[in-house]
């Protein structure tokens, strides 16, 4: 199954927005903050976006990894992570 956070990042955010969020979370991680990081808005190239994303300390590394995967997708360095629907006919129940 595809990582839904990566899919949302790719669908709704630009490269600049993802990089800004990634930087905020990384800086909090480096400084050892134990509080959640809350991203409320981002300004980039004359535009802005707002919303709220709360990243708990235990999930920072996962979020950074998801941002990296989303950036790879947006930069055409990776394709979708979805494996599609897996149908295994050898394990289907057959009635006789």
C-alpha atoms as a PDB file:
ATOM      1  CA  UNK A   1       0.000   0.000   0.000  1.00  0.00           C
ATOM      2  CA  UNK A   2       1.226   3.474  -0.796  1.00  0.00           C
ATOM      3  CA  UNK A   3       2.289   5.813   1.982  1.00  0.00           C
ATOM      4  CA  UNK A   4      -0.675   8.183   2.157  1.00  0.00           C
ATOM      5  CA  UNK A   5       1.345  11.066   3.633  1.00  0.00           C
ATOM      6  CA  UNK A   6       3.666  10.990   0.610  1.00  0.00           C
ATOM      7  CA  UNK A   7       0.692  10.863  -1.734  1.00  0.00           C
ATOM      8  CA  UNK A   8      -0.919  13.894  -0.032  1.00  0.00           C
ATOM      9  CA  UNK A   9       2.347  15.847  -0.134  1.00  0.00           C
ATOM     10  CA  UNK A  10       2.716  15.145  -3.851  1.00  0.00           C
ATOM     11  CA  UNK A  11      -0.893  15.982  -4.675  1.00  0.00           C
ATOM     12  CA  UNK A  12      -1.363  19.167  -2.670  1.00  0.00           C
ATOM     13  CA  UNK A  13       2.018  20.810  -2.021  1.00  0.00           C
ATOM     14  CA  UNK A  14       4.761  22.316  -4.141  1.00  0.00           C
ATOM     15  CA  UNK A  15       8.450  21.511  -3.890  1.00  0.00           C
ATOM     16  CA  UNK A  16       9.044  24.828  -2.076  1.00  0.00           C
ATOM     17  CA  UNK A  17       6.315  24.116   0.496  1.00  0.00           C
ATOM     18  CA  UNK A  18       7.623  20.629   1.230  1.00  0.00           C
ATOM     19  CA  UNK A  19      11.185  21.911   1.555  1.00  0.00           C
ATOM     20  CA  UNK A  20      10.041  24.646   3.976  1.00  0.00           C
ATOM     21  CA  UNK A  21       8.173  22.137   6.162  1.00  0.00           C
ATOM     22  CA  UNK A  22      11.093  19.716   6.040  1.00  0.00           C
ATOM     23  CA  UNK A  23      13.491  22.456   7.156  1.00  0.00           C
ATOM     24  CA  UNK A  24      11.311  23.435  10.134  1.00  0.00           C
ATOM     25  CA  UNK A  25      10.991  19.852  11.333  1.00  0.00           C
ATOM     26  CA  UNK A  26      14.705  19.166  10.851  1.00  0.00           C
ATOM     27  CA  UNK A  27      15.707  22.279  12.809  1.00  0.00           C
ATOM     28  CA  UNK A  28      13.426  21.251  15.685  1.00  0.00           C
ATOM     29  CA  UNK A  29      14.904  17.762  15.575  1.00  0.00           C
ATOM     30  CA  UNK A  30      18.458  19.096  15.717  1.00  0.00           C
ATOM     31  CA  UNK A  31      17.741  21.414  18.624  1.00  0.00           C
ATOM     32  CA  UNK A  32      16.255  18.527  20.607  1.00  0.00           C
ATOM     33  CA  UNK A  33      12.841  20.061  21.144  1.00  0.00           C
ATOM     34  CA  UNK A  34      10.478  17.722  22.907  1.00  0.00           C
ATOM     35  CA  UNK A  35       7.328  19.636  21.937  1.00  0.00           C
ATOM     36  CA  UNK A  36       5.367  19.007  18.779  1.00  0.00           C
ATOM     37  CA  UNK A  37       6.375  21.107  15.777  1.00  0.00           C
ATOM     38  CA  UNK A  38       3.351  22.945  14.419  1.00  0.00           C
ATOM     39  CA  UNK A  39       3.578  24.377  10.898  1.00  0.00           C
ATOM     40  CA  UNK A  40       0.844  26.947  10.348  1.00  0.00           C
ATOM     41  CA  UNK A  41       1.920  28.707   7.170  1.00  0.00           C
ATOM     42  CA  UNK A  42       4.622  28.896   4.569  1.00  0.00           C
ATOM     43  CA  UNK A  43       5.636  31.769   2.295  1.00  0.00           C
ATOM     44  CA  UNK A  44       7.491  31.143  -0.952  1.00  0.00           C
ATOM     45  CA  UNK A  45       8.107  32.983  -4.214  1.00  0.00           C
ATOM     46  CA  UNK A  46       5.360  35.558  -3.636  1.00  0.00           C
ATOM     47  CA  UNK A  47       2.775  32.965  -2.642  1.00  0.00           C
ATOM     48  CA  UNK A  48       1.721  31.505   0.652  1.00  0.00           C
ATOM     49  CA  UNK A  49      -0.086  28.515   2.065  1.00  0.00           C
ATOM     50  CA  UNK A  50      -1.658  28.021   5.441  1.00  0.00           C
ATOM     51  CA  UNK A  51      -2.917  25.112   7.439  1.00  0.00           C
ATOM     52  CA  UNK A  52      -1.705  23.218  10.457  1.00  0.00           C
ATOM     53  CA  UNK A  53       0.583  20.223  10.555  1.00  0.00           C
ATOM     54  CA  UNK A  54       1.670  18.901  13.942  1.00  0.00           C
ATOM     55  CA  UNK A  55       4.717  16.637  14.024  1.00  0.00           C
ATOM     56  CA  UNK A  56       5.394  14.770  17.277  1.00  0.00           C
ATOM     57  CA  UNK A  57       9.059  14.256  18.235  1.00  0.00           C
ATOM     58  CA  UNK A  58       8.742  10.498  17.762  1.00  0.00           C
ATOM     59  CA  UNK A  59       7.508  10.961  14.179  1.00  0.00           C
ATOM     60  CA  UNK A  60      10.006  13.564  12.949  1.00  0.00           C
ATOM     61  CA  UNK A  61      12.351  11.148  11.208  1.00  0.00           C
ATOM     62  CA  UNK A  62       9.429   9.438   9.478  1.00  0.00           C
ATOM     63  CA  UNK A  63       8.064  12.802   8.319  1.00  0.00           C
ATOM     64  CA  UNK A  64      11.494  13.821   6.990  1.00  0.00           C
ATOM     65  CA  UNK A  65      11.681  10.513   5.092  1.00  0.00           C
ATOM     66  CA  UNK A  66       8.191  11.088   3.667  1.00  0.00           C
ATOM     67  CA  UNK A  67       9.179  14.596   2.543  1.00  0.00           C
ATOM     68  CA  UNK A  68      12.276  13.182   0.815  1.00  0.00           C
ATOM     69  CA  UNK A  69      10.143  10.600  -1.005  1.00  0.00           C
ATOM     70  CA  UNK A  70       7.606  13.245  -2.051  1.00  0.00           C
ATOM     71  CA  UNK A  71      10.370  15.524  -3.352  1.00  0.00           C
ATOM     72  CA  UNK A  72      11.807  12.625  -5.360  1.00  0.00           C
ATOM     73  CA  UNK A  73       8.362  12.071  -6.885  1.00  0.00           C
ATOM     74  CA  UNK A  74       7.879  15.753  -7.688  1.00  0.00           C
ATOM     75  CA  UNK A  75      11.356  15.968  -9.235  1.00  0.00           C
ATOM     76  CA  UNK A  76      10.587  12.916 -11.428  1.00  0.00           C
ATOM     77  CA  UNK A  77      13.261  10.863  -9.691  1.00  0.00           C
ATOM     78  CA  UNK A  78      10.776   8.247  -8.501  1.00  0.00           C
ATOM     79  CA  UNK A  79       7.435   6.921  -9.617  1.00  0.00           C
ATOM     80  CA  UNK A  80       4.355   6.234  -7.549  1.00  0.00           C
ATOM     81  CA  UNK A  81       4.828   4.051  -4.524  1.00  0.00           C
ATOM     82  CA  UNK A  82       1.565   2.214  -5.042  1.00  0.00           C
ATOM     83  CA  UNK A  83       1.765  -1.449  -5.938  1.00  0.00           C
ATOM     84  CA  UNK A  84      -1.809  -1.401  -7.140  1.00  0.00           C
ATOM     85  CA  UNK A  85      -4.236  -4.150  -6.250  1.00  0.00           C
ATOM     86  CA  UNK A  86      -2.623  -7.512  -5.653  1.00  0.00           C
ATOM     87  CA  UNK A  87      -4.819 -10.380  -6.764  1.00  0.00           C
ATOM     88  CA  UNK A  88      -3.534 -13.870  -6.052  1.00  0.00           C
ATOM     89  CA  UNK A  89      -5.550 -16.404  -7.966  1.00  0.00           C
ATOM     90  CA  UNK A  90      -3.639 -19.330  -6.462  1.00  0.00           C
ATOM     91  CA  UNK A  91      -5.212 -18.612  -3.055  1.00  0.00           C
ATOM     92  CA  UNK A  92      -8.798 -18.145  -4.173  1.00  0.00           C
ATOM     93  CA  UNK A  93     -11.408 -20.345  -2.637  1.00  0.00           C
ATOM     94  CA  UNK A  94     -13.105 -22.559  -5.168  1.00  0.00           C
ATOM     95  CA  UNK A  95     -16.342 -24.398  -4.651  1.00  0.00           C
ATOM     96  CA  UNK A  96     -16.894 -27.814  -6.201  1.00  0.00           C
END
